[in-house]
PDB file of N, CA and C in Angstrom:
ATOM      1  N   MET A   1       8.970   5.062 -24.915  1.00  0.00           N
ATOM      2  CA  MET A   1       8.530   3.686 -24.896  1.00  0.00           C
ATOM      3  C   MET A   1       9.706   2.795 -25.277  1.00  0.00           C
ATOM      4  N   ILE A   2       9.890   1.734 -24.554  1.00  0.00           N
ATOM      5  CA  ILE A   2      10.987   0.812 -24.804  1.00  0.00           C
ATOM      6  C   ILE A   2      10.515  -0.292 -25.745  1.00  0.00           C
ATOM      7  N   ILE A   3      11.264  -0.490 -26.806  1.00  0.00           N
ATOM      8  CA  ILE A   3      10.942  -1.546 -27.766  1.00  0.00           C
ATOM      9  C   ILE A   3      12.100  -2.523 -27.793  1.00  0.00           C
ATOM     10  N   VAL A   4      11.777  -3.807 -27.599  1.00  0.00           N
ATOM     11  CA  VAL A   4      12.786  -4.862 -27.629  1.00  0.00           C
ATOM     12  C   VAL A   4      12.428  -5.813 -28.769  1.00  0.00           C
ATOM     13  N   PRO A   5      13.174  -5.759 -29.864  1.00  0.00           N
ATOM     14  CA  PRO A   5      12.882  -6.680 -30.966  1.00  0.00           C
ATOM     15  C   PRO A   5      13.270  -8.113 -30.585  1.00  0.00           C
ATOM     16  N   VAL A   6      12.350  -9.032 -30.774  1.00  0.00           N
ATOM     17  CA  VAL A   6      12.597 -10.432 -30.449  1.00  0.00           C
ATOM     18  C   VAL A   6      12.739 -11.198 -31.759  1.00  0.00           C
ATOM     19  N   LYS A   7      13.862 -11.865 -31.920  1.00  0.00           N
ATOM     20  CA  LYS A   7      14.115 -12.621 -33.139  1.00  0.00           C
ATOM     21  C   LYS A   7      13.379 -13.954 -33.097  1.00  0.00           C
ATOM     22  N   GLU A   8      13.219 -14.522 -34.237  1.00  0.00           N
ATOM     23  CA  GLU A   8      12.538 -15.816 -34.357  1.00  0.00           C
ATOM     24  C   GLU A   8      13.298 -16.882 -33.574  1.00  0.00           C
ATOM     25  N   GLY A   9      12.615 -17.561 -32.675  1.00  0.00           N
ATOM     26  CA  GLY A   9      13.225 -18.640 -31.897  1.00  0.00           C
ATOM     27  C   GLY A   9      14.072 -18.158 -30.730  1.00  0.00           C
ATOM     28  N   GLU A  10      14.073 -16.851 -30.443  1.00  0.00           N
ATOM     29  CA  GLU A  10      14.872 -16.338 -29.331  1.00  0.00           C
ATOM     30  C   GLU A  10      14.168 -16.631 -28.008  1.00  0.00           C
ATOM     31  N   ASN A  11      14.947 -16.946 -27.015  1.00  0.00           N
ATOM     32  CA  ASN A  11      14.427 -17.276 -25.692  1.00  0.00           C
ATOM     33  C   ASN A  11      13.774 -16.036 -25.066  1.00  0.00           C
ATOM     34  N   ILE A  12      12.635 -16.234 -24.418  1.00  0.00           N
ATOM     35  CA  ILE A  12      11.918 -15.117 -23.786  1.00  0.00           C
ATOM     36  C   ILE A  12      12.716 -14.536 -22.625  1.00  0.00           C
ATOM     37  N   ASP A  13      13.508 -15.371 -21.963  1.00  0.00           N
ATOM     38  CA  ASP A  13      14.339 -14.887 -20.866  1.00  0.00           C
ATOM     39  C   ASP A  13      15.382 -13.894 -21.366  1.00  0.00           C
ATOM     40  N   ARG A  14      15.932 -14.168 -22.531  1.00  0.00           N
ATOM     41  CA  ARG A  14      16.940 -13.272 -23.105  1.00  0.00           C
ATOM     42  C   ARG A  14      16.301 -11.924 -23.478  1.00  0.00           C
ATOM     43  N   ALA A  15      15.081 -11.977 -24.034  1.00  0.00           N
ATOM     44  CA  ALA A  15      14.375 -10.749 -24.387  1.00  0.00           C
ATOM     45  C   ALA A  15      14.040  -9.947 -23.125  1.00  0.00           C
ATOM     46  N   LEU A  16      13.651 -10.638 -22.056  1.00  0.00           N
ATOM     47  CA  LEU A  16      13.355  -9.971 -20.798  1.00  0.00           C
ATOM     48  C   LEU A  16      14.604  -9.313 -20.228  1.00  0.00           C
ATOM     49  N   LYS A  17      15.746  -9.982 -20.358  1.00  0.00           N
ATOM     50  CA  LYS A  17      17.006  -9.438 -19.883  1.00  0.00           C
ATOM     51  C   LYS A  17      17.366  -8.166 -20.648  1.00  0.00           C
ATOM     52  N   LYS A  18      17.142  -8.167 -21.973  1.00  0.00           N
ATOM     53  CA  LYS A  18      17.388  -6.983 -22.789  1.00  0.00           C
ATOM     54  C   LYS A  18      16.492  -5.834 -22.343  1.00  0.00           C
ATOM     55  N   PHE A  19      15.206  -6.163 -22.089  1.00  0.00           N
ATOM     56  CA  PHE A  19      14.261  -5.141 -21.640  1.00  0.00           C
ATOM     57  C   PHE A  19      14.702  -4.530 -20.315  1.00  0.00           C
ATOM     58  N   LYS A  20      15.085  -5.369 -19.377  1.00  0.00           N
ATOM     59  CA  LYS A  20      15.508  -4.882 -18.068  1.00  0.00           C
ATOM     60  C   LYS A  20      16.728  -3.974 -18.183  1.00  0.00           C
ATOM     61  N   ARG A  21      17.668  -4.353 -19.063  1.00  0.00           N
ATOM     62  CA  ARG A  21      18.875  -3.562 -19.256  1.00  0.00           C
ATOM     63  C   ARG A  21      18.528  -2.182 -19.837  1.00  0.00           C
ATOM     64  N   LYS A  22      17.650  -2.165 -20.839  1.00  0.00           N
ATOM     65  CA  LYS A  22      17.239  -0.895 -21.438  1.00  0.00           C
ATOM     66  C   LYS A  22      16.484  -0.043 -20.417  1.00  0.00           C
ATOM     67  N   PHE A  23      15.630  -0.670 -19.631  1.00  0.00           N
ATOM     68  CA  PHE A  23      14.852   0.046 -18.628  1.00  0.00           C
ATOM     69  C   PHE A  23      15.768   0.655 -17.571  1.00  0.00           C
ATOM     70  N   GLU A  24      16.786  -0.077 -17.169  1.00  0.00           N
ATOM     71  CA  GLU A  24      17.738   0.410 -16.173  1.00  0.00           C
ATOM     72  C   GLU A  24      18.491   1.627 -16.706  1.00  0.00           C
ATOM     73  N   LYS A  25      18.827   1.620 -17.990  1.00  0.00           N
ATOM     74  CA  LYS A  25      19.557   2.739 -18.584  1.00  0.00           C
ATOM     75  C   LYS A  25      18.731   4.015 -18.630  1.00  0.00           C
ATOM     76  N   THR A  26      17.404   3.899 -18.671  1.00  0.00           N
ATOM     77  CA  THR A  26      16.570   5.098 -18.710  1.00  0.00           C
ATOM     78  C   THR A  26      16.611   5.850 -17.390  1.00  0.00           C
ATOM     79  N   GLY A  27      16.845   5.159 -16.275  1.00  0.00           N
ATOM     80  CA  GLY A  27      16.972   5.813 -14.975  1.00  0.00           C
ATOM     81  C   GLY A  27      15.648   6.158 -14.322  1.00  0.00           C
ATOM     82  N   VAL A  28      14.568   5.518 -14.727  1.00  0.00           N
ATOM     83  CA  VAL A  28      13.246   5.820 -14.182  1.00  0.00           C
ATOM     84  C   VAL A  28      13.172   5.459 -12.701  1.00  0.00           C
ATOM     85  N   ILE A  29      13.628   4.284 -12.348  1.00  0.00           N
ATOM     86  CA  ILE A  29      13.563   3.832 -10.954  1.00  0.00           C
ATOM     87  C   ILE A  29      14.418   4.727 -10.060  1.00  0.00           C
ATOM     88  N   ARG A  30      15.607   5.084 -10.544  1.00  0.00           N
ATOM     89  CA  ARG A  30      16.502   5.945  -9.766  1.00  0.00           C
ATOM     90  C   ARG A  30      15.837   7.300  -9.502  1.00  0.00           C
ATOM     91  N   GLU A  31      15.178   7.832 -10.528  1.00  0.00           N
ATOM     92  CA  GLU A  31      14.507   9.116 -10.376  1.00  0.00           C
ATOM     93  C   GLU A  31      13.327   9.025  -9.406  1.00  0.00           C
ATOM     94  N   LEU A  32      12.552   7.932  -9.488  1.00  0.00           N
ATOM     95  CA  LEU A  32      11.434   7.754  -8.573  1.00  0.00           C
ATOM     96  C   LEU A  32      11.905   7.693  -7.124  1.00  0.00           C
ATOM     97  N   ARG A  33      12.982   6.982  -6.882  1.00  0.00           N
ATOM     98  CA  ARG A  33      13.499   6.875  -5.520  1.00  0.00           C
ATOM     99  C   ARG A  33      14.003   8.217  -5.013  1.00  0.00           C
ATOM    100  N   SER A  34      14.633   8.988  -5.905  1.00  0.00           N
ATOM    101  CA  SER A  34      15.150  10.287  -5.463  1.00  0.00           C
ATOM    102  C   SER A  34      14.024  11.263  -5.184  1.00  0.00           C
ATOM    103  N   ARG A  35      12.865  11.091  -5.836  1.00  0.00           N
ATOM    104  CA  ARG A  35      11.744  11.999  -5.634  1.00  0.00           C
ATOM    105  C   ARG A  35      10.884  11.639  -4.427  1.00  0.00           C
ATOM    106  N   GLN A  36      11.157  10.508  -3.784  1.00  0.00           N
ATOM    107  CA  GLN A  36      10.361  10.115  -2.627  1.00  0.00           C
ATOM    108  C   GLN A  36      10.540  11.096  -1.473  1.00  0.00           C
ATOM    109  N   ALA A  37      11.738  11.640  -1.347  1.00  0.00           N
ATOM    110  CA  ALA A  37      12.003  12.595  -0.277  1.00  0.00           C
ATOM    111  C   ALA A  37      12.755  13.778  -0.859  1.00  0.00           C
ATOM    112  N   PHE A  38      12.387  14.982  -0.429  1.00  0.00           N
ATOM    113  CA  PHE A  38      13.048  16.184  -0.919  1.00  0.00           C
ATOM    114  C   PHE A  38      14.387  16.348  -0.245  1.00  0.00           C
ATOM    115  N   ILE A  39      15.406  16.618  -1.044  1.00  0.00           N
ATOM    116  CA  ILE A  39      16.740  16.890  -0.515  1.00  0.00           C
ATOM    117  C   ILE A  39      17.072  18.333  -0.854  1.00  0.00           C
ATOM    118  N   LYS A  40      17.406  19.093   0.170  1.00  0.00           N
ATOM    119  CA  LYS A  40      17.706  20.503  -0.045  1.00  0.00           C
ATOM    120  C   LYS A  40      18.929  20.632  -0.958  1.00  0.00           C
ATOM    121  N   PRO A  41      18.950  21.670  -1.795  1.00  0.00           N
ATOM    122  CA  PRO A  41      20.081  21.857  -2.707  1.00  0.00           C
ATOM    123  C   PRO A  41      21.425  21.963  -1.978  1.00  0.00           C
ATOM    124  N   SER A  42      21.438  22.567  -0.813  1.00  0.00           N
ATOM    125  CA  SER A  42      22.695  22.695  -0.071  1.00  0.00           C
ATOM    126  C   SER A  42      23.202  21.329   0.381  1.00  0.00           C
ATOM    127  N   VAL A  43      22.284  20.454   0.789  1.00  0.00           N
ATOM    128  CA  VAL A  43      22.664  19.106   1.224  1.00  0.00           C
ATOM    129  C   VAL A  43      23.140  18.293   0.033  1.00  0.00           C
ATOM    130  N   ARG A  44      22.444  18.432  -1.095  1.00  0.00           N
ATOM    131  CA  ARG A  44      22.834  17.713  -2.299  1.00  0.00           C
ATOM    132  C   ARG A  44      24.236  18.137  -2.751  1.00  0.00           C
ATOM    133  N   ARG A  45      24.504  19.443  -2.710  1.00  0.00           N
ATOM    134  CA  ARG A  45      25.805  19.969  -3.103  1.00  0.00           C
ATOM    135  C   ARG A  45      26.893  19.464  -2.159  1.00  0.00           C
ATOM    136  N   ARG A  46      26.581  19.429  -0.855  1.00  0.00           N
ATOM    137  CA  ARG A  46      27.539  18.948   0.141  1.00  0.00           C
ATOM    138  C   ARG A  46      27.896  17.482  -0.121  1.00  0.00           C
ATOM    139  N   GLU A  47      26.876  16.667  -0.461  1.00  0.00           N
ATOM    140  CA  GLU A  47      27.123  15.247  -0.753  1.00  0.00           C
ATOM    141  C   GLU A  47      27.971  15.076  -2.007  1.00  0.00           C
ATOM    142  N   GLU A  48      27.729  15.917  -3.035  1.00  0.00           N
ATOM    143  CA  GLU A  48      28.516  15.845  -4.262  1.00  0.00           C
ATOM    144  C   GLU A  48      29.980  16.187  -3.987  1.00  0.00           C
ATOM    145  N   ILE A  49      30.211  17.214  -3.175  1.00  0.00           N
ATOM    146  CA  ILE A  49      31.583  17.609  -2.836  1.00  0.00           C
ATOM    147  C   ILE A  49      32.266  16.504  -2.042  1.00  0.00           C
ATOM    148  N   LYS A  50      31.529  15.919  -1.119  1.00  0.00           N
ATOM    149  CA  LYS A  50      32.075  14.826  -0.300  1.00  0.00           C
ATOM    150  C   LYS A  50      32.471  13.641  -1.179  1.00  0.00           C
ATOM    151  N   LYS A  51      31.617  13.315  -2.160  1.00  0.00           N
ATOM    152  CA  LYS A  51      31.906  12.216  -3.077  1.00  0.00           C
ATOM    153  C   LYS A  51      33.121  12.544  -3.944  1.00  0.00           C
ATOM    154  N   ALA A  52      33.205  13.795  -4.415  1.00  0.00           N
ATOM    155  CA  ALA A  52      34.327  14.204  -5.257  1.00  0.00           C
ATOM    156  C   ALA A  52      35.650  14.121  -4.491  1.00  0.00           C
ATOM    157  N   VAL A  53      35.628  14.514  -3.228  1.00  0.00           N
ATOM    158  CA  VAL A  53      36.833  14.433  -2.399  1.00  0.00           C
ATOM    159  C   VAL A  53      37.250  12.978  -2.230  1.00  0.00           C
ATOM    160  N   TYR A  54      36.267  12.106  -2.008  1.00  0.00           N
ATOM    161  CA  TYR A  54      36.555  10.679  -1.837  1.00  0.00           C
ATOM    162  C   TYR A  54      37.169  10.094  -3.108  1.00  0.00           C
ATOM    163  N   VAL A  55      36.569  10.393  -4.261  1.00  0.00           N
ATOM    164  CA  VAL A  55      37.060   9.854  -5.532  1.00  0.00           C
ATOM    165  C   VAL A  55      38.465  10.373  -5.818  1.00  0.00           C
ATOM    166  N   GLN A  56      38.688  11.647  -5.565  1.00  0.00           N
ATOM    167  CA  GLN A  56      40.002  12.228  -5.806  1.00  0.00           C
ATOM    168  C   GLN A  56      41.048  11.586  -4.890  1.00  0.00           C
ATOM    169  N   GLY A  57      40.684  11.314  -3.647  1.00  0.00           N
ATOM    170  CA  GLY A  57      41.604  10.646  -2.725  1.00  0.00           C
ATOM    171  C   GLY A  57      41.931   9.241  -3.189  1.00  0.00           C
ATOM    172  N   MET A  58      40.947   8.534  -3.725  1.00  0.00           N
ATOM    173  CA  MET A  58      41.184   7.176  -4.240  1.00  0.00           C
ATOM    174  C   MET A  58      42.119   7.219  -5.449  1.00  0.00           C
ATOM    175  N   GLN A  59      41.952   8.223  -6.317  1.00  0.00           N
ATOM    176  CA  GLN A  59      42.811   8.349  -7.498  1.00  0.00           C
ATOM    177  C   GLN A  59      44.228   8.680  -7.116  1.00  0.00           C
ATOM    178  N   GLN A  60      44.414   9.547  -6.110  1.00  0.00           N
ATOM    179  CA  GLN A  60      45.754   9.890  -5.654  1.00  0.00           C
ATOM    180  C   GLN A  60      46.427   8.704  -4.980  1.00  0.00           C
ATOM    181  N   GLU A  61      45.630   7.888  -4.321  1.00  0.00           N
ATOM    182  CA  GLU A  61      46.157   6.714  -3.636  1.00  0.00           C
ATOM    183  C   GLU A  61      46.707   5.701  -4.638  1.00  0.00           C
ATOM    184  N   GLU A  62      46.078   5.603  -5.809  1.00  0.00           N
ATOM    185  CA  GLU A  62      46.522   4.672  -6.842  1.00  0.00           C
ATOM    186  C   GLU A  62      47.882   5.084  -7.408  1.00  0.00           C
ATOM    187  N   GLU A  63      48.115   6.392  -7.481  1.00  0.00           N
ATOM    188  CA  GLU A  63      49.373   6.886  -8.051  1.00  0.00           C
ATOM    189  C   GLU A  63      50.476   6.766  -7.077  1.00  0.00           C
TER     190      GLU A  63
END
């Protein structure tokens, strides 16, 4: 459960922003979206390798 302490006289918009930030960090929405469709482990692994190759190429390009 997410608890956002609201100080006396604090703007409700600021408290809502804090709540949204905490909620985003939990990763609930990301997990729900990933569970909408099943991705085979082999495909998931292939995508991870592809991403790792891309990131490594970007790092080498900087040097």
